[in-house]
Every structure is written in C-alpha cells, then in structure tokens.
Amino acid sequence: MTREEQTLQRIQRQLATLGPVLPGSLSEQWNVCGTPGCRCKAPSNPKKHGPYYQLSFTVAGKSSTLFVQKEDLGEVRRRLKRYQRFKVLTTAWVQACLGLARSQGFRGASA
C-alpha cells in the first residue's frame, strides 16, 4: 500500500468519526423594537432586546440563517469547530488523491 493510500485510509477513518457539523459563523444580535415607550428607546440608558444568536451560512450558493437558542450555543460551537476540522480533512483528502494520481502516472495531475 502506498503512502498516499495509507493517508486516504487515515483521513477516511477520521471523517467517519467526526460527527455532525455546521458551516458558517455565529453572531450575537441585539434589537431595537418598534414599540413606542419601550425600554430599548429610553432617552437615557436604553436597553436593547437580546441577545439573540444567529448562525449565518452559505450552502450550494444559497445564503441562509438559523436562530440559535441560548441553551444550544455549546453544541452549535462544537459543530462549527468540527466543520473547520472537516474542511482541513477534505483538503488533505484531495491532496492525497492528487499525490496518488501523480504516483500512478496520471498526466496533468498537478495541484
């Protein structure tokens, strides 16, 4: 078994155990409402509504958002971190596939 094939097997095992992922970025939002006299519009010391948490992402060229409950923040952050690991592993996978193609003599298999 070649070094590239061993690398592909190692990456495949890591991908299989990765768990659920989420792409995108998590932001904290604060709002001012439209209700006259609300605390968020107080002339002195206004207090905005929030925080609200929002996951923004793009998949297949379509941008979208999900609102995230405060109690789900930990899991969302773990899934975002796993997605970063997923991207590293898939880049390594492609590089190993290119290395395998080169070692097998495929012409034009350059990165």
Protein backbone atom coordinates (compact mmCIF):
# COMPACT_ATOMS: atom_id res chain seq x y z
CA MET A 1 0.00 0.00 0.00
CA THR A 2 1.39 3.39 -0.98
CA ARG A 3 1.86 6.32 1.39
CA GLU A 4 -0.99 8.16 -0.37
CA GLU A 5 -3.34 5.18 0.04
CA GLN A 6 -2.46 4.98 3.74
CA THR A 7 -3.15 8.71 4.08
CA LEU A 8 -6.52 8.29 2.34
CA GLN A 9 -7.49 5.48 4.73
CA ARG A 10 -6.43 7.54 7.76
CA ILE A 11 -8.45 10.56 6.59
CA GLN A 12 -11.46 8.36 5.82
CA ARG A 13 -11.39 6.98 9.39
CA GLN A 14 -11.17 10.50 10.82
CA LEU A 15 -14.07 11.72 8.66
CA ALA A 16 -16.20 8.75 9.71
CA THR A 17 -15.83 9.64 13.40
CA LEU A 18 -16.18 13.42 13.03
CA GLY A 19 -19.86 13.69 13.95
CA PRO A 20 -22.38 16.37 12.97
CA VAL A 21 -21.01 19.62 11.55
CA LEU A 22 -22.38 23.10 10.87
CA PRO A 23 -20.91 25.58 8.40
CA GLY A 24 -20.93 29.32 8.88
CA SER A 25 -20.46 31.80 11.65
CA LEU A 26 -22.30 32.51 14.86
CA SER A 27 -23.22 36.08 15.79
CA GLU A 28 -24.90 37.79 18.70
CA GLN A 29 -27.70 40.19 17.80
CA TRP A 30 -29.35 42.99 19.82
CA ASN A 31 -32.54 44.64 18.60
CA VAL A 32 -34.48 47.87 18.98
CA CYS A 33 -38.21 47.25 18.54
CA GLY A 34 -40.93 49.49 17.14
CA THR A 35 -42.97 49.84 20.33
CA PRO A 36 -43.18 53.46 21.46
CA GLY A 37 -42.04 53.97 25.04
CA CYS A 38 -40.20 50.63 25.18
CA ARG A 39 -37.07 50.36 27.33
CA CYS A 40 -35.00 49.92 24.15
CA LYS A 41 -35.85 53.53 23.18
CA ALA A 42 -35.40 55.16 26.57
CA PRO A 43 -33.79 58.61 26.17
CA SER A 44 -31.37 57.86 28.99
CA ASN A 45 -29.81 54.41 29.28
CA PRO A 46 -31.72 52.48 26.57
CA LYS A 47 -31.58 48.68 26.91
CA LYS A 48 -31.79 46.76 23.65
CA HIS A 49 -33.58 43.42 23.39
CA GLY A 50 -31.38 40.37 23.29
CA PRO A 51 -29.04 38.83 22.94
CA TYR A 52 -30.31 36.68 20.09
CA TYR A 53 -27.93 34.23 18.44
CA GLN A 54 -27.83 33.65 14.72
CA LEU A 55 -25.93 31.15 12.57
CA SER A 56 -25.22 32.51 9.08
CA PHE A 57 -24.04 30.17 6.33
CA THR A 58 -23.92 29.54 2.59
CA VAL A 59 -24.50 26.07 1.13
CA ALA A 60 -24.68 25.33 -2.60
CA GLY A 61 -24.52 29.06 -3.33
CA LYS A 62 -27.55 29.87 -1.16
CA SER A 63 -27.13 32.05 1.92
CA SER A 64 -29.31 31.38 4.93
CA THR A 65 -29.56 31.88 8.68
CA LEU A 66 -30.78 29.90 11.66
CA PHE A 67 -31.70 31.35 15.01
CA VAL A 68 -30.00 29.50 17.86
CA GLN A 69 -31.43 29.13 21.35
CA LYS A 70 -29.09 30.08 24.18
CA GLU A 71 -29.15 26.52 25.55
CA ASP A 72 -27.92 25.20 22.16
CA LEU A 73 -24.89 27.52 21.88
CA GLY A 74 -22.40 24.94 23.19
CA GLU A 75 -23.45 22.29 20.69
CA VAL A 76 -23.54 24.79 17.81
CA ARG A 77 -19.99 25.92 18.66
CA ARG A 78 -18.80 22.28 18.76
CA ARG A 79 -20.36 21.61 15.35
CA LEU A 80 -18.79 24.77 13.90
CA LYS A 81 -15.41 23.60 15.20
CA ARG A 82 -15.96 20.14 13.69
CA TYR A 83 -16.76 21.81 10.35
CA GLN A 84 -13.37 23.53 10.44
CA ARG A 85 -11.78 20.11 11.01
CA PHE A 86 -13.91 18.69 8.15
CA LYS A 87 -12.51 21.35 5.78
CA VAL A 88 -8.93 20.55 6.81
CA LEU A 89 -9.53 16.82 6.30
CA THR A 90 -11.19 17.23 2.91
CA THR A 91 -8.33 19.43 1.70
CA ALA A 92 -5.86 16.77 2.86
CA TRP A 93 -8.00 14.13 1.11
CA VAL A 94 -7.84 16.00 -2.21
CA GLN A 95 -4.08 16.50 -1.84
CA ALA A 96 -3.60 12.78 -1.17
CA CYS A 97 -5.75 11.92 -4.20
CA LEU A 98 -3.59 14.17 -6.35
CA GLY A 99 -0.46 12.55 -4.94
CA LEU A 100 -1.88 9.11 -5.73
CA ALA A 101 -2.73 10.20 -9.28
CA ARG A 102 0.82 11.50 -9.76
CA SER A 103 2.35 8.29 -8.39
CA GLN A 104 0.19 6.29 -10.79
CA GLY A 105 1.46 8.35 -13.69
CA PHE A 106 -1.62 10.42 -14.47
CA ARG A 107 -0.60 13.31 -16.66
CA GLY A 108 -1.80 16.76 -15.65
CA ALA A 109 -2.43 15.74 -12.04
CA SER A 110 -0.81 18.84 -10.60
CA ALA A 111 -2.14 20.94 -7.74
